[in-house]
Structure formats: C-alpha cells, structure tokens
Amino acid sequence: MEVPKEIVTYCPRCKAHKPHSVSLYKEGKRRALAKGERHHERERKGYGGQKYPILRRKAKTTKKQTLKLQCTVCGYISHRKGIRLRKLTIS
C-alpha cells in the first residue's frame, strides 16, 4: 500500500486541519532497568521458570503498521493506527 508523504488532517494543538508529514512509527529500545523489566527478571529467576506461556509458533503473518503524523505548522506528533498489510511505502 502506498501512503503520500504529506496528509492534510486535523491537528489537536492547532485545532484545525493542517498538512502533516508522514513517517513510519518505530518503537524504541526496551530499557533493562525499567521497573516492569526488573520485576519480570525477578519472577523468572530461580525455580518455577516463566510465569506466562511464550508463544513458540508465530500466529500472524503481518504486523499493523502505525503512521506517525507530524504537523508542519506546530510540530505536534500524533499517531494513526494502521491496518494489517505486508508492505507499506511512503511516496
């Protein structure tokens, strides 16, 4: 699926429809010292093993691509939930 580089959509900060530049949302690196991460490591330590089942076989063949929209006027960034597709190109 092809998505244009610029989309005119609603900006909550400007409270009007403005042009937004489109890019693909990429999640950041997980922090090993975050509280949840430390708690999970503590749960896994010692006897008893994993607390919840790890999915061994992959159930889905595609991921939902999220679009990152940045307002060209004020710079406010909002996300648009994507649909399931194999390939997304920004043209």
Protein backbone atom coordinates (compact mmCIF):
# COMPACT_ATOMS: atom_id res chain seq x y z
CA MET A 1 0.00 0.00 0.00
CA GLU A 2 1.27 3.45 -0.87
CA VAL A 3 0.82 6.39 1.50
CA PRO A 4 1.54 10.01 0.48
CA LYS A 5 4.41 11.90 2.15
CA GLU A 6 2.04 14.65 3.26
CA ILE A 7 -1.55 14.32 4.52
CA VAL A 8 -3.93 17.17 5.37
CA THR A 9 -5.60 16.11 8.62
CA TYR A 10 -6.79 17.51 11.96
CA CYS A 11 -4.16 18.83 14.40
CA PRO A 12 -5.36 18.88 18.05
CA ARG A 13 -2.89 21.63 19.00
CA CYS A 14 -3.76 23.97 16.10
CA LYS A 15 -7.43 22.90 16.37
CA ALA A 16 -7.69 22.97 12.59
CA HIS A 17 -6.88 20.85 9.56
CA LYS A 18 -3.22 21.33 8.61
CA PRO A 19 -0.70 19.46 6.43
CA HIS A 20 1.15 16.68 8.26
CA SER A 21 4.35 14.93 7.19
CA VAL A 22 4.01 11.14 7.28
CA SER A 23 6.59 8.65 8.54
CA LEU A 24 6.52 5.11 9.87
CA TYR A 25 6.36 4.67 13.67
CA LYS A 26 9.23 2.64 15.07
CA GLU A 27 9.17 1.53 18.70
CA GLY A 28 12.15 2.41 20.87
CA LYS A 29 14.64 0.17 22.60
CA ARG A 30 13.44 -1.55 25.80
CA ARG A 31 15.10 -0.32 28.99
CA ALA A 32 16.56 -3.13 31.09
CA LEU A 33 16.34 -1.03 34.28
CA ALA A 34 12.63 -0.19 33.91
CA LYS A 35 10.53 -1.39 36.88
CA GLY A 36 8.46 -3.85 34.86
CA GLU A 37 11.54 -5.33 33.23
CA ARG A 38 13.25 -5.79 36.61
CA HIS A 39 10.09 -7.35 38.07
CA HIS A 40 9.86 -9.79 35.17
CA GLU A 41 13.52 -10.80 35.56
CA ARG A 42 12.97 -11.37 39.28
CA GLU A 43 9.95 -13.58 38.52
CA ARG A 44 11.97 -15.69 36.09
CA LYS A 45 14.90 -16.16 38.45
CA GLY A 46 15.28 -19.42 40.40
CA TYR A 47 12.91 -22.39 40.21
CA GLY A 48 9.50 -22.18 38.62
CA GLY A 49 10.57 -20.63 35.32
CA GLN A 50 8.42 -18.48 33.08
CA LYS A 51 5.20 -17.10 34.62
CA TYR A 52 3.19 -16.97 31.39
CA PRO A 53 3.43 -19.07 28.22
CA ILE A 54 5.79 -17.94 25.47
CA LEU A 55 4.19 -18.24 22.02
CA ARG A 56 6.59 -20.51 20.11
CA ARG A 57 4.93 -20.52 16.70
CA LYS A 58 4.11 -17.25 15.00
CA ALA A 59 0.34 -16.74 14.70
CA LYS A 60 0.25 -13.67 12.47
CA THR A 61 1.97 -13.19 9.12
CA THR A 62 1.79 -9.38 9.14
CA LYS A 63 2.03 -6.50 11.61
CA LYS A 64 -0.18 -3.47 11.97
CA GLN A 65 1.82 -0.51 10.67
CA THR A 66 1.33 2.71 12.63
CA LEU A 67 1.75 6.06 10.90
CA LYS A 68 3.49 8.93 12.66
CA LEU A 69 1.97 12.26 11.62
CA GLN A 70 3.88 15.46 12.36
CA CYS A 71 2.16 18.81 11.91
CA THR A 72 4.20 21.02 9.59
CA VAL A 73 2.91 24.18 11.34
CA CYS A 74 3.42 23.50 15.07
CA GLY A 75 5.41 20.22 15.04
CA TYR A 76 2.86 18.24 17.11
CA ILE A 77 3.20 14.49 16.57
CA SER A 78 0.19 12.18 16.57
CA HIS A 79 -0.17 8.53 15.62
CA ARG A 80 -2.66 6.96 13.28
CA LYS A 81 -3.40 3.30 13.88
CA GLY A 82 -2.61 1.37 10.76
CA ILE A 83 -4.17 -1.61 9.10
CA ARG A 84 -2.68 -5.06 8.64
CA LEU A 85 -0.60 -5.16 5.48
CA ARG A 86 2.54 -6.78 4.16
CA LYS A 87 4.27 -3.74 2.67
CA LEU A 88 3.77 -0.02 3.30
CA THR A 89 5.60 2.54 1.18
CA ILE A 90 5.59 6.29 1.76
CA SER A 91 5.73 8.04 -1.61
